[in-house]
Amino acid sequence: LEPTANQLRTSFRRMTSGEVQSLKPLRVRVVTVRSGDTIATLAARMMGTDRKLDLFRLINAMQITSTVRPGDKVKIISE
């Protein structure tokens, strides 16, 4: 793992002021499930992860068999 750790350490650099200004924090948002929404469509709105469905289920304490209904409140990660 040492070569990987060294490569990671040498890749750090100071961000430019433009990069810093362009950053937007991600937030946990509570949204209301609408007609036609599914766990998959809601998870697709998530940002900041490649494993959107897994994170959606995790932050909403849902099992693989869970479903959503119109009017339910769920959390998503977005800008």
PDB file of N, CA and C in Angstrom:
ATOM      1  N   LEU A   1       0.796  -1.201   0.000  1.00  0.00           N
ATOM      2  CA  LEU A   1       0.000   0.000   0.000  1.00  0.00           C
ATOM      3  C   LEU A   1       0.846   1.275   0.000  1.00  0.00           C
ATOM      4  N   GLU A   2       2.104   1.150   0.313  1.00  0.00           N
ATOM      5  CA  GLU A   2       2.966   2.337   0.400  1.00  0.00           C
ATOM      6  C   GLU A   2       3.021   3.128  -0.910  1.00  0.00           C
ATOM      7  N   PRO A   3       3.184   2.489  -2.074  1.00  0.00           N
ATOM      8  CA  PRO A   3       3.183   3.270  -3.315  1.00  0.00           C
ATOM      9  C   PRO A   3       1.880   4.049  -3.526  1.00  0.00           C
ATOM     10  N   THR A   4       0.770   3.429  -3.197  1.00  0.00           N
ATOM     11  CA  THR A   4      -0.518   4.108  -3.330  1.00  0.00           C
ATOM     12  C   THR A   4      -0.613   5.278  -2.363  1.00  0.00           C
ATOM     13  N   ALA A   5      -0.165   5.074  -1.129  1.00  0.00           N
ATOM     14  CA  ALA A   5      -0.188   6.151  -0.129  1.00  0.00           C
ATOM     15  C   ALA A   5       0.707   7.304  -0.574  1.00  0.00           C
ATOM     16  N   ASN A   6       1.873   7.001  -1.119  1.00  0.00           N
ATOM     17  CA  ASN A   6       2.774   8.060  -1.597  1.00  0.00           C
ATOM     18  C   ASN A   6       2.152   8.829  -2.762  1.00  0.00           C
ATOM     19  N   GLN A   7       1.529   8.119  -3.670  1.00  0.00           N
ATOM     20  CA  GLN A   7       0.882   8.780  -4.805  1.00  0.00           C
ATOM     21  C   GLN A   7      -0.232   9.701  -4.319  1.00  0.00           C
ATOM     22  N   LEU A   8      -0.987   9.247  -3.349  1.00  0.00           N
ATOM     23  CA  LEU A   8      -2.064  10.060  -2.798  1.00  0.00           C
ATOM     24  C   LEU A   8      -1.511  11.307  -2.121  1.00  0.00           C
ATOM     25  N   ARG A   9      -0.470  11.140  -1.317  1.00  0.00           N
ATOM     26  CA  ARG A   9       0.131  12.280  -0.613  1.00  0.00           C
ATOM     27  C   ARG A   9       0.668  13.323  -1.576  1.00  0.00           C
ATOM     28  N   THR A  10       1.279  12.909  -2.661  1.00  0.00           N
ATOM     29  CA  THR A  10       1.867  13.870  -3.601  1.00  0.00           C
ATOM     30  C   THR A  10       0.822  14.522  -4.505  1.00  0.00           C
ATOM     31  N   SER A  11      -0.413  14.040  -4.476  1.00  0.00           N
ATOM     32  CA  SER A  11      -1.446  14.619  -5.337  1.00  0.00           C
ATOM     33  C   SER A  11      -2.138  15.817  -4.689  1.00  0.00           C
ATOM     34  N   PHE A  12      -1.903  16.046  -3.404  1.00  0.00           N
ATOM     35  CA  PHE A  12      -2.529  17.187  -2.731  1.00  0.00           C
ATOM     36  C   PHE A  12      -1.884  18.483  -3.186  1.00  0.00           C
ATOM     37  N   ARG A  13      -2.698  19.515  -3.342  1.00  0.00           N
ATOM     38  CA  ARG A  13      -2.200  20.837  -3.694  1.00  0.00           C
ATOM     39  C   ARG A  13      -3.172  21.865  -3.144  1.00  0.00           C
ATOM     40  N   ARG A  14      -2.716  23.091  -3.071  1.00  0.00           N
ATOM     41  CA  ARG A  14      -3.603  24.172  -2.653  1.00  0.00           C
ATOM     42  C   ARG A  14      -4.609  24.459  -3.757  1.00  0.00           C
ATOM     43  N   MET A  15      -5.845  24.689  -3.349  1.00  0.00           N
ATOM     44  CA  MET A  15      -6.874  25.030  -4.322  1.00  0.00           C
ATOM     45  C   MET A  15      -6.726  26.499  -4.702  1.00  0.00           C
ATOM     46  N   THR A  16      -7.043  26.799  -5.954  1.00  0.00           N
ATOM     47  CA  THR A  16      -7.022  28.189  -6.387  1.00  0.00           C
ATOM     48  C   THR A  16      -8.241  28.895  -5.796  1.00  0.00           C
ATOM     49  N   SER A  17      -8.203  30.225  -5.757  1.00  0.00           N
ATOM     50  CA  SER A  17      -9.343  30.964  -5.214  1.00  0.00           C
ATOM     51  C   SER A  17     -10.598  30.708  -6.048  1.00  0.00           C
ATOM     52  N   GLY A  18     -10.440  30.533  -7.352  1.00  0.00           N
ATOM     53  CA  GLY A  18     -11.585  30.211  -8.211  1.00  0.00           C
ATOM     54  C   GLY A  18     -12.207  28.872  -7.857  1.00  0.00           C
ATOM     55  N   GLU A  19     -11.361  27.892  -7.574  1.00  0.00           N
ATOM     56  CA  GLU A  19     -11.870  26.573  -7.173  1.00  0.00           C
ATOM     57  C   GLU A  19     -12.608  26.668  -5.841  1.00  0.00           C
ATOM     58  N   VAL A  20     -12.051  27.408  -4.912  1.00  0.00           N
ATOM     59  CA  VAL A  20     -12.686  27.563  -3.603  1.00  0.00           C
ATOM     60  C   VAL A  20     -14.043  28.237  -3.748  1.00  0.00           C
ATOM     61  N   GLN A  21     -14.116  29.282  -4.564  1.00  0.00           N
ATOM     62  CA  GLN A  21     -15.368  30.008  -4.742  1.00  0.00           C
ATOM     63  C   GLN A  21     -16.429  29.173  -5.459  1.00  0.00           C
ATOM     64  N   SER A  22     -15.995  28.224  -6.280  1.00  0.00           N
ATOM     65  CA  SER A  22     -16.961  27.420  -7.023  1.00  0.00           C
ATOM     66  C   SER A  22     -17.524  26.258  -6.200  1.00  0.00           C
ATOM     67  N   LEU A  23     -16.956  26.008  -5.025  1.00  0.00           N
ATOM     68  CA  LEU A  23     -17.446  24.913  -4.187  1.00  0.00           C
ATOM     69  C   LEU A  23     -18.831  25.217  -3.652  1.00  0.00           C
ATOM     70  N   LYS A  24     -19.672  24.212  -3.682  1.00  0.00           N
ATOM     71  CA  LYS A  24     -21.011  24.329  -3.107  1.00  0.00           C
ATOM     72  C   LYS A  24     -21.187  23.146  -2.163  1.00  0.00           C
ATOM     73  N   PRO A  25     -21.510  23.432  -0.913  1.00  0.00           N
ATOM     74  CA  PRO A  25     -21.665  22.316   0.031  1.00  0.00           C
ATOM     75  C   PRO A  25     -22.890  21.478  -0.298  1.00  0.00           C
ATOM     76  N   LEU A  26     -22.778  20.212  -0.031  1.00  0.00           N
ATOM     77  CA  LEU A  26     -23.930  19.329  -0.173  1.00  0.00           C
ATOM     78  C   LEU A  26     -24.720  19.378   1.128  1.00  0.00           C
ATOM     79  N   ARG A  27     -26.019  19.224   1.014  1.00  0.00           N
ATOM     80  CA  ARG A  27     -26.897  19.315   2.178  1.00  0.00           C
ATOM     81  C   ARG A  27     -27.871  18.140   2.191  1.00  0.00           C
ATOM     82  N   VAL A  28     -28.309  17.810   3.385  1.00  0.00           N
ATOM     83  CA  VAL A  28     -29.377  16.830   3.524  1.00  0.00           C
ATOM     84  C   VAL A  28     -30.684  17.599   3.371  1.00  0.00           C
ATOM     85  N   ARG A  29     -31.482  17.189   2.424  1.00  0.00           N
ATOM     86  CA  ARG A  29     -32.769  17.837   2.172  1.00  0.00           C
ATOM     87  C   ARG A  29     -33.897  16.828   2.425  1.00  0.00           C
ATOM     88  N   VAL A  30     -34.983  17.315   2.955  1.00  0.00           N
ATOM     89  CA  VAL A  30     -36.169  16.475   3.135  1.00  0.00           C
ATOM     90  C   VAL A  30     -37.125  16.811   1.996  1.00  0.00           C
ATOM     91  N   VAL A  31     -37.516  15.789   1.258  1.00  0.00           N
ATOM     92  CA  VAL A  31     -38.430  15.979   0.131  1.00  0.00           C
ATOM     93  C   VAL A  31     -39.660  15.100   0.329  1.00  0.00           C
ATOM     94  N   THR A  32     -40.740  15.521  -0.291  1.00  0.00           N
ATOM     95  CA  THR A  32     -41.989  14.760  -0.238  1.00  0.00           C
ATOM     96  C   THR A  32     -42.093  13.893  -1.484  1.00  0.00           C
ATOM     97  N   VAL A  33     -42.349  12.625  -1.273  1.00  0.00           N
ATOM     98  CA  VAL A  33     -42.498  11.682  -2.380  1.00  0.00           C
ATOM     99  C   VAL A  33     -43.743  12.062  -3.174  1.00  0.00           C
ATOM    100  N   ARG A  34     -43.581  12.132  -4.497  1.00  0.00           N
ATOM    101  CA  ARG A  34     -44.702  12.456  -5.390  1.00  0.00           C
ATOM    102  C   ARG A  34     -45.161  11.196  -6.120  1.00  0.00           C
ATOM    103  N   SER A  35     -46.313  11.288  -6.708  1.00  0.00           N
ATOM    104  CA  SER A  35     -46.842  10.175  -7.488  1.00  0.00           C
ATOM    105  C   SER A  35     -45.841   9.826  -8.591  1.00  0.00           C
ATOM    106  N   GLY A  36     -45.546   8.569  -8.740  1.00  0.00           N
ATOM    107  CA  GLY A  36     -44.597   8.121  -9.755  1.00  0.00           C
ATOM    108  C   GLY A  36     -43.177   7.988  -9.243  1.00  0.00           C
ATOM    109  N   ASP A  37     -42.874   8.579  -8.078  1.00  0.00           N
ATOM    110  CA  ASP A  37     -41.531   8.435  -7.506  1.00  0.00           C
ATOM    111  C   ASP A  37     -41.331   7.029  -6.981  1.00  0.00           C
ATOM    112  N   THR A  38     -40.116   6.561  -7.129  1.00  0.00           N
ATOM    113  CA  THR A  38     -39.709   5.280  -6.564  1.00  0.00           C
ATOM    114  C   THR A  38     -38.416   5.510  -5.804  1.00  0.00           C
ATOM    115  N   ILE A  39     -37.991   4.516  -5.076  1.00  0.00           N
ATOM    116  CA  ILE A  39     -36.707   4.631  -4.390  1.00  0.00           C
ATOM    117  C   ILE A  39     -35.609   4.906  -5.406  1.00  0.00           C
ATOM    118  N   ALA A  40     -35.670   4.260  -6.548  1.00  0.00           N
ATOM    119  CA  ALA A  40     -34.641   4.443  -7.574  1.00  0.00           C
ATOM    120  C   ALA A  40     -34.648   5.865  -8.139  1.00  0.00           C
ATOM    121  N   THR A  41     -35.838   6.430  -8.406  1.00  0.00           N
ATOM    122  CA  THR A  41     -35.883   7.779  -8.969  1.00  0.00           C
ATOM    123  C   THR A  41     -35.468   8.820  -7.942  1.00  0.00           C
ATOM    124  N   LEU A  42     -35.813   8.599  -6.695  1.00  0.00           N
ATOM    125  CA  LEU A  42     -35.395   9.522  -5.644  1.00  0.00           C
ATOM    126  C   LEU A  42     -33.888   9.425  -5.424  1.00  0.00           C
ATOM    127  N   ALA A  43     -33.362   8.214  -5.405  1.00  0.00           N
ATOM    128  CA  ALA A  43     -31.923   8.019  -5.220  1.00  0.00           C
ATOM    129  C   ALA A  43     -31.131   8.644  -6.365  1.00  0.00           C
ATOM    130  N   ALA A  44     -31.682   8.641  -7.558  1.00  0.00           N
ATOM    131  CA  ALA A  44     -31.000   9.224  -8.718  1.00  0.00           C
ATOM    132  C   ALA A  44     -30.771  10.725  -8.542  1.00  0.00           C
ATOM    133  N   ARG A  45     -31.532  11.374  -7.676  1.00  0.00           N
ATOM    134  CA  ARG A  45     -31.372  12.809  -7.420  1.00  0.00           C
ATOM    135  C   ARG A  45     -30.237  13.101  -6.444  1.00  0.00           C
ATOM    136  N   MET A  46     -29.670  12.064  -5.852  1.00  0.00           N
ATOM    137  CA  MET A  46     -28.606  12.229  -4.858  1.00  0.00           C
ATOM    138  C   MET A  46     -27.321  12.696  -5.530  1.00  0.00           C
ATOM    139  N   MET A  47     -26.530  13.447  -4.778  1.00  0.00           N
ATOM    140  CA  MET A  47     -25.243  13.943  -5.264  1.00  0.00           C
ATOM    141  C   MET A  47     -24.152  13.517  -4.282  1.00  0.00           C
ATOM    142  N   GLY A  48     -22.923  13.473  -4.783  1.00  0.00           N
ATOM    143  CA  GLY A  48     -21.786  13.241  -3.908  1.00  0.00           C
ATOM    144  C   GLY A  48     -21.413  11.798  -3.676  1.00  0.00           C
ATOM    145  N   THR A  49     -22.027  10.883  -4.407  1.00  0.00           N
ATOM    146  CA  THR A  49     -21.688   9.474  -4.240  1.00  0.00           C
ATOM    147  C   THR A  49     -21.964   8.718  -5.532  1.00  0.00           C
ATOM    148  N   ASP A  50     -21.202   7.665  -5.732  1.00  0.00           N
ATOM    149  CA  ASP A  50     -21.456   6.775  -6.867  1.00  0.00           C
ATOM    150  C   ASP A  50     -22.472   5.697  -6.492  1.00  0.00           C
ATOM    151  N   ARG A  51     -22.665   5.509  -5.192  1.00  0.00           N
ATOM    152  CA  ARG A  51     -23.583   4.468  -4.709  1.00  0.00           C
ATOM    153  C   ARG A  51     -24.855   5.126  -4.171  1.00  0.00           C
ATOM    154  N   LYS A  52     -25.557   5.796  -5.057  1.00  0.00           N
ATOM    155  CA  LYS A  52     -26.710   6.608  -4.687  1.00  0.00           C
ATOM    156  C   LYS A  52     -27.803   5.795  -3.997  1.00  0.00           C
ATOM    157  N   LEU A  53     -28.132   4.657  -4.558  1.00  0.00           N
ATOM    158  CA  LEU A  53     -29.205   3.841  -3.996  1.00  0.00           C
ATOM    159  C   LEU A  53     -28.848   3.360  -2.594  1.00  0.00           C
ATOM    160  N   ASP A  54     -27.614   2.914  -2.419  1.00  0.00           N
ATOM    161  CA  ASP A  54     -27.182   2.447  -1.096  1.00  0.00           C
ATOM    162  C   ASP A  54     -27.229   3.575  -0.072  1.00  0.00           C
ATOM    163  N   LEU A  55     -26.733   4.760  -0.440  1.00  0.00           N
ATOM    164  CA  LEU A  55     -26.739   5.890   0.486  1.00  0.00           C
ATOM    165  C   LEU A  55     -28.165   6.333   0.783  1.00  0.00           C
ATOM    166  N   PHE A  56     -29.028   6.355  -0.228  1.00  0.00           N
ATOM    167  CA  PHE A  56     -30.429   6.726  -0.017  1.00  0.00           C
ATOM    168  C   PHE A  56     -31.072   5.797   1.004  1.00  0.00           C
ATOM    169  N   ARG A  57     -30.891   4.511   0.822  1.00  0.00           N
ATOM    170  CA  ARG A  57     -31.477   3.550   1.767  1.00  0.00           C
ATOM    171  C   ARG A  57     -30.889   3.732   3.165  1.00  0.00           C
ATOM    172  N   LEU A  58     -29.602   3.975   3.239  1.00  0.00           N
ATOM    173  CA  LEU A  58     -28.942   4.136   4.530  1.00  0.00           C
ATOM    174  C   LEU A  58     -29.483   5.348   5.289  1.00  0.00           C
ATOM    175  N   ILE A  59     -29.531   6.519   4.659  1.00  0.00           N
ATOM    176  CA  ILE A  59     -29.951   7.721   5.384  1.00  0.00           C
ATOM    177  C   ILE A  59     -31.447   7.751   5.671  1.00  0.00           C
ATOM    178  N   ASN A  60     -32.204   6.879   4.993  1.00  0.00           N
ATOM    179  CA  ASN A  60     -33.642   6.792   5.237  1.00  0.00           C
ATOM    180  C   ASN A  60     -34.028   5.526   5.990  1.00  0.00           C
ATOM    181  N   ALA A  61     -33.044   4.786   6.492  1.00  0.00           N
ATOM    182  CA  ALA A  61     -33.264   3.560   7.270  1.00  0.00           C
ATOM    183  C   ALA A  61     -34.214   2.606   6.545  1.00  0.00           C
ATOM    184  N   MET A  62     -33.925   2.381   5.260  1.00  0.00           N
ATOM    185  CA  MET A  62     -34.771   1.510   4.440  1.00  0.00           C
ATOM    186  C   MET A  62     -34.065   0.191   4.150  1.00  0.00           C
ATOM    187  N   GLN A  63     -34.864  -0.833   4.088  1.00  0.00           N
ATOM    188  CA  GLN A  63     -34.373  -2.154   3.712  1.00  0.00           C
ATOM    189  C   GLN A  63     -34.442  -2.295   2.199  1.00  0.00           C
ATOM    190  N   ILE A  64     -33.886  -3.361   1.676  1.00  0.00           N
ATOM    191  CA  ILE A  64     -33.917  -3.600   0.234  1.00  0.00           C
ATOM    192  C   ILE A  64     -35.348  -3.801  -0.266  1.00  0.00           C
ATOM    193  N   THR A  65     -36.235  -4.224   0.628  1.00  0.00           N
ATOM    194  CA  THR A  65     -37.635  -4.468   0.249  1.00  0.00           C
ATOM    195  C   THR A  65     -38.538  -3.266   0.526  1.00  0.00           C
ATOM    196  N   SER A  66     -37.997  -2.185   1.071  1.00  0.00           N
ATOM    197  CA  SER A  66     -38.810  -1.001   1.399  1.00  0.00           C
ATOM    198  C   SER A  66     -39.342  -0.336   0.139  1.00  0.00           C
ATOM    199  N   THR A  67     -40.457   0.355   0.298  1.00  0.00           N
ATOM    200  CA  THR A  67     -41.050   1.129  -0.789  1.00  0.00           C
ATOM    201  C   THR A  67     -41.408   2.516  -0.260  1.00  0.00           C
ATOM    202  N   VAL A  68     -41.765   3.409  -1.165  1.00  0.00           N
ATOM    203  CA  VAL A  68     -42.222   4.749  -0.780  1.00  0.00           C
ATOM    204  C   VAL A  68     -43.610   4.980  -1.358  1.00  0.00           C
ATOM    205  N   ARG A  69     -44.357   5.855  -0.676  1.00  0.00           N
ATOM    206  CA  ARG A  69     -45.706   6.204  -1.138  1.00  0.00           C
ATOM    207  C   ARG A  69     -45.798   7.710  -1.259  1.00  0.00           C
ATOM    208  N   PRO A  70     -46.638   8.202  -2.176  1.00  0.00           N
ATOM    209  CA  PRO A  70     -46.829   9.655  -2.271  1.00  0.00           C
ATOM    210  C   PRO A  70     -47.189  10.238  -0.904  1.00  0.00           C
ATOM    211  N   GLY A  71     -46.525  11.339  -0.578  1.00  0.00           N
ATOM    212  CA  GLY A  71     -46.743  11.988   0.712  1.00  0.00           C
ATOM    213  C   GLY A  71     -45.699  11.652   1.746  1.00  0.00           C
ATOM    214  N   ASP A  72     -44.975  10.525   1.551  1.00  0.00           N
ATOM    215  CA  ASP A  72     -43.901  10.178   2.480  1.00  0.00           C
ATOM    216  C   ASP A  72     -42.821  11.264   2.415  1.00  0.00           C
ATOM    217  N   LYS A  73     -42.127  11.466   3.517  1.00  0.00           N
ATOM    218  CA  LYS A  73     -40.990  12.372   3.566  1.00  0.00           C
ATOM    219  C   LYS A  73     -39.724  11.530   3.594  1.00  0.00           C
ATOM    220  N   VAL A  74     -38.766  11.879   2.729  1.00  0.00           N
ATOM    221  CA  VAL A  74     -37.487  11.161   2.674  1.00  0.00           C
ATOM    222  C   VAL A  74     -36.354  12.179   2.605  1.00  0.00           C
ATOM    223  N   LYS A  75     -35.160  11.720   2.956  1.00  0.00           N
ATOM    224  CA  LYS A  75     -33.970  12.569   2.886  1.00  0.00           C
ATOM    225  C   LYS A  75     -33.188  12.248   1.624  1.00  0.00           C
ATOM    226  N   ILE A  76     -32.652  13.303   1.002  1.00  0.00           N
ATOM    227  CA  ILE A  76     -31.709  13.133  -0.095  1.00  0.00           C
ATOM    228  C   ILE A  76     -30.537  14.062   0.138  1.00  0.00           C
ATOM    229  N   ILE A  77     -29.415  13.780  -0.486  1.00  0.00           N
ATOM    230  CA  ILE A  77     -28.227  14.632  -0.422  1.00  0.00           C
ATOM    231  C   ILE A  77     -28.165  15.396  -1.747  1.00  0.00           C
ATOM    232  N   SER A  78     -28.178  16.739  -1.656  1.00  0.00           N
ATOM    233  CA  SER A  78     -28.117  17.555  -2.866  1.00  0.00           C
ATOM    234  C   SER A  78     -27.499  18.911  -2.525  1.00  0.00           C
ATOM    235  N   GLU A  79     -27.380  19.777  -3.538  1.00  0.00           N
ATOM    236  CA  GLU A  79     -26.830  21.117  -3.302  1.00  0.00           C
ATOM    237  C   GLU A  79     -27.812  21.956  -2.520  1.00  0.00           C
TER     238      GLU A  79
END
